[in-house]
Amino acid sequence: MVSVHEIHENIVSAWRTGEEKTLYEMIVINSDRTVTIMHQIIETNFNPNGSEESLRKFLTMYVRVDAFHSD
């Protein structure tokens, strides 16, 4: 099983590239550098406004290892 730290690092690395990408079948890194988390009944969108620190704070609140599995 992948750790929460690894999940966060993978998301931040993908976000840095600015390319649209889907991770863990539920995290979408959009080409406009926003992040979308698609849960079963709710979709959460976040715009870190170019701030990696802001993105990491968001991930700490919304991305837990028990909710994800490895690609």
N, C-alpha and C. Protein backbone atom coordinates (compact mmCIF):
# COMPACT_ATOMS: atom_id res chain seq x y z
N MET A 1 0.85 -1.19 0.00
CA MET A 1 0.00 0.00 0.00
C MET A 1 0.89 1.24 0.00
N VAL A 2 0.47 2.22 -0.74
CA VAL A 2 1.20 3.47 -0.86
C VAL A 2 0.91 4.35 0.37
N SER A 3 1.91 5.11 0.82
CA SER A 3 1.73 5.97 1.99
C SER A 3 1.07 7.29 1.60
N VAL A 4 0.50 7.97 2.56
CA VAL A 4 -0.12 9.26 2.31
C VAL A 4 0.93 10.27 1.81
N HIS A 5 2.14 10.18 2.32
CA HIS A 5 3.22 11.06 1.87
C HIS A 5 3.49 10.83 0.37
N GLU A 6 3.55 9.57 -0.04
CA GLU A 6 3.78 9.25 -1.46
C GLU A 6 2.64 9.76 -2.34
N ILE A 7 1.42 9.63 -1.86
CA ILE A 7 0.26 10.12 -2.61
C ILE A 7 0.37 11.63 -2.79
N HIS A 8 0.65 12.35 -1.70
CA HIS A 8 0.78 13.80 -1.78
C HIS A 8 1.90 14.19 -2.74
N GLU A 9 3.04 13.53 -2.64
CA GLU A 9 4.17 13.84 -3.51
C GLU A 9 3.84 13.58 -4.98
N ASN A 10 3.14 12.50 -5.27
CA ASN A 10 2.74 12.19 -6.64
C ASN A 10 1.79 13.25 -7.19
N ILE A 11 0.87 13.71 -6.37
CA ILE A 11 -0.08 14.74 -6.80
C ILE A 11 0.65 16.05 -7.04
N VAL A 12 1.50 16.46 -6.11
CA VAL A 12 2.24 17.72 -6.26
C VAL A 12 3.15 17.66 -7.49
N SER A 13 3.81 16.54 -7.71
CA SER A 13 4.69 16.40 -8.88
C SER A 13 3.89 16.54 -10.17
N ALA A 14 2.74 15.92 -10.25
CA ALA A 14 1.90 16.02 -11.44
C ALA A 14 1.39 17.45 -11.60
N TRP A 15 1.02 18.09 -10.52
CA TRP A 15 0.52 19.47 -10.55
C TRP A 15 1.59 20.43 -11.07
N ARG A 16 2.83 20.20 -10.67
CA ARG A 16 3.93 21.07 -11.10
C ARG A 16 4.08 21.08 -12.62
N THR A 17 3.80 19.97 -13.28
CA THR A 17 3.99 19.89 -14.74
C THR A 17 2.95 20.71 -15.49
N GLY A 18 1.79 20.91 -14.90
CA GLY A 18 0.73 21.67 -15.56
C GLY A 18 -0.02 20.89 -16.63
N GLU A 19 0.29 19.59 -16.74
CA GLU A 19 -0.40 18.75 -17.71
C GLU A 19 -1.61 18.09 -17.06
N GLU A 20 -2.67 17.92 -17.84
CA GLU A 20 -3.85 17.24 -17.31
C GLU A 20 -3.51 15.77 -17.09
N LYS A 21 -3.87 15.28 -15.90
CA LYS A 21 -3.54 13.91 -15.55
C LYS A 21 -4.50 13.43 -14.48
N THR A 22 -4.84 12.15 -14.51
CA THR A 22 -5.68 11.54 -13.48
C THR A 22 -4.82 10.57 -12.68
N LEU A 23 -4.88 10.72 -11.36
CA LEU A 23 -4.14 9.85 -10.45
C LEU A 23 -5.12 9.13 -9.54
N TYR A 24 -4.80 7.88 -9.22
CA TYR A 24 -5.57 7.10 -8.26
C TYR A 24 -7.05 7.01 -8.64
N GLU A 25 -7.34 7.15 -9.92
CA GLU A 25 -8.69 7.04 -10.47
C GLU A 25 -9.68 8.06 -9.91
N MET A 26 -9.20 9.02 -9.11
CA MET A 26 -10.13 9.99 -8.54
C MET A 26 -9.55 11.39 -8.32
N ILE A 27 -8.29 11.58 -8.60
CA ILE A 27 -7.67 12.90 -8.49
C ILE A 27 -7.35 13.36 -9.90
N VAL A 28 -7.90 14.51 -10.30
CA VAL A 28 -7.63 15.04 -11.62
C VAL A 28 -6.83 16.33 -11.47
N ILE A 29 -5.67 16.34 -12.11
CA ILE A 29 -4.87 17.55 -12.20
C ILE A 29 -5.27 18.16 -13.54
N ASN A 30 -5.89 19.32 -13.49
CA ASN A 30 -6.39 19.96 -14.70
C ASN A 30 -5.32 20.83 -15.34
N SER A 31 -5.45 21.06 -16.64
CA SER A 31 -4.45 21.85 -17.37
C SER A 31 -4.36 23.29 -16.86
N ASP A 32 -5.43 23.78 -16.19
CA ASP A 32 -5.38 25.13 -15.62
C ASP A 32 -4.78 25.14 -14.21
N ARG A 33 -4.18 24.00 -13.82
CA ARG A 33 -3.52 23.80 -12.53
C ARG A 33 -4.46 23.84 -11.34
N THR A 34 -5.71 23.49 -11.57
CA THR A 34 -6.63 23.24 -10.46
C THR A 34 -6.63 21.74 -10.21
N VAL A 35 -7.13 21.35 -9.06
CA VAL A 35 -7.18 19.94 -8.68
C VAL A 35 -8.63 19.58 -8.38
N THR A 36 -9.06 18.44 -8.91
CA THR A 36 -10.41 17.96 -8.65
C THR A 36 -10.31 16.59 -8.00
N ILE A 37 -11.03 16.43 -6.88
CA ILE A 37 -11.12 15.14 -6.22
C ILE A 37 -12.54 14.64 -6.44
N MET A 38 -12.66 13.48 -7.06
CA MET A 38 -13.97 12.91 -7.36
C MET A 38 -14.26 11.78 -6.39
N HIS A 39 -15.12 12.08 -5.41
CA HIS A 39 -15.56 11.06 -4.46
C HIS A 39 -16.83 10.43 -5.01
N GLN A 40 -17.35 9.46 -4.33
CA GLN A 40 -18.54 8.76 -4.82
C GLN A 40 -19.74 9.70 -5.00
N ILE A 41 -19.99 10.59 -4.06
CA ILE A 41 -21.17 11.44 -4.15
C ILE A 41 -20.87 12.92 -4.25
N ILE A 42 -19.62 13.30 -4.18
CA ILE A 42 -19.28 14.71 -4.21
C ILE A 42 -17.98 14.92 -4.99
N GLU A 43 -17.90 16.05 -5.63
CA GLU A 43 -16.69 16.44 -6.36
C GLU A 43 -16.15 17.71 -5.72
N THR A 44 -14.88 17.72 -5.35
CA THR A 44 -14.26 18.87 -4.72
C THR A 44 -13.22 19.46 -5.67
N ASN A 45 -13.38 20.74 -5.98
CA ASN A 45 -12.44 21.44 -6.84
C ASN A 45 -11.62 22.40 -6.00
N PHE A 46 -10.34 22.52 -6.33
CA PHE A 46 -9.47 23.41 -5.58
C PHE A 46 -8.52 24.11 -6.52
N ASN A 47 -8.38 25.41 -6.33
CA ASN A 47 -7.42 26.20 -7.09
C ASN A 47 -6.38 26.74 -6.12
N PRO A 48 -5.16 26.21 -6.13
CA PRO A 48 -4.14 26.68 -5.21
C PRO A 48 -3.49 28.00 -5.64
N ASN A 49 -3.98 28.56 -6.75
CA ASN A 49 -3.45 29.84 -7.24
C ASN A 49 -1.94 29.84 -7.37
N GLY A 50 -1.40 28.73 -7.89
CA GLY A 50 0.03 28.64 -8.12
C GLY A 50 0.87 28.39 -6.89
N SER A 51 0.25 28.16 -5.74
CA SER A 51 0.99 27.98 -4.50
C SER A 51 1.08 26.50 -4.11
N GLU A 52 2.30 25.97 -4.15
CA GLU A 52 2.50 24.59 -3.72
C GLU A 52 2.13 24.41 -2.25
N GLU A 53 2.45 25.39 -1.43
CA GLU A 53 2.12 25.32 -0.01
C GLU A 53 0.60 25.21 0.18
N SER A 54 -0.15 25.99 -0.57
CA SER A 54 -1.60 25.95 -0.49
C SER A 54 -2.12 24.58 -0.93
N LEU A 55 -1.56 24.04 -1.99
CA LEU A 55 -1.95 22.71 -2.46
C LEU A 55 -1.67 21.66 -1.40
N ARG A 56 -0.50 21.72 -0.79
CA ARG A 56 -0.16 20.73 0.25
C ARG A 56 -1.10 20.82 1.45
N LYS A 57 -1.51 22.01 1.84
CA LYS A 57 -2.48 22.17 2.94
C LYS A 57 -3.81 21.53 2.57
N PHE A 58 -4.25 21.76 1.33
CA PHE A 58 -5.49 21.16 0.84
C PHE A 58 -5.38 19.63 0.88
N LEU A 59 -4.28 19.10 0.39
CA LEU A 59 -4.10 17.65 0.38
C LEU A 59 -4.11 17.06 1.78
N THR A 60 -3.53 17.76 2.73
CA THR A 60 -3.53 17.30 4.11
C THR A 60 -4.95 17.15 4.64
N MET A 61 -5.82 18.05 4.23
CA MET A 61 -7.21 18.01 4.71
C MET A 61 -8.08 17.00 3.96
N TYR A 62 -7.82 16.79 2.67
CA TYR A 62 -8.74 16.02 1.85
C TYR A 62 -8.22 14.70 1.30
N VAL A 63 -6.93 14.44 1.38
CA VAL A 63 -6.40 13.23 0.78
C VAL A 63 -5.77 12.36 1.87
N ARG A 64 -6.45 11.24 2.12
CA ARG A 64 -5.97 10.27 3.12
C ARG A 64 -5.68 8.95 2.41
N VAL A 65 -4.74 8.21 2.93
CA VAL A 65 -4.33 6.96 2.29
C VAL A 65 -5.46 5.94 2.25
N ASP A 66 -6.36 5.93 3.20
CA ASP A 66 -7.43 4.94 3.22
C ASP A 66 -8.45 5.14 2.11
N ALA A 67 -8.43 6.31 1.47
CA ALA A 67 -9.41 6.60 0.42
C ALA A 67 -8.86 6.29 -0.98
N PHE A 68 -7.59 5.94 -1.08
CA PHE A 68 -6.94 5.77 -2.38
C PHE A 68 -6.24 4.44 -2.47
N HIS A 69 -6.05 4.00 -3.69
CA HIS A 69 -5.22 2.83 -3.95
C HIS A 69 -4.24 3.17 -5.05
N SER A 70 -3.22 2.41 -5.18
CA SER A 70 -2.15 2.69 -6.13
C SER A 70 -2.64 2.56 -7.57
N ASP A 71 -2.05 3.40 -8.48
CA ASP A 71 -2.37 3.33 -9.92
C ASP A 71 -2.04 1.95 -10.46
